[in-house]
């Protein structure tokens, strides 16, 4: 009974991680960039962290907020992107990170029961 309950919770977490948007850069960010104009510090994207600065996405050709990254599979910039997960067929980002962690935890618990 315990295994079936945790397995059902893992299945629900899987569906939610798969179906939830990972966190696209919102339109309000693009409006903010347009309103602020050249006063916003935008630096080219590099492997080094640039705290407090927006970076320029070469693939989307737009400035993106700090800690946002471009997902090559999804084709757009994701807020707080962690990685692309082929198991859920989605990027893991700000919007679905909680559900992905739940899936990993419930799946791990099921493996040990």
Foldseek 3Di string as FASTA:
>chain_A
DVLVVLVVQLVVLLVCLLPWAQAAQDPVVVVVCVVCDPVAAEDDDDPDADPRHWYADPQVRGTGDGCWDADPQVGGIHHNWDAQDVSSRHTHHDTSVVSVVSNVVSVVVSVVD
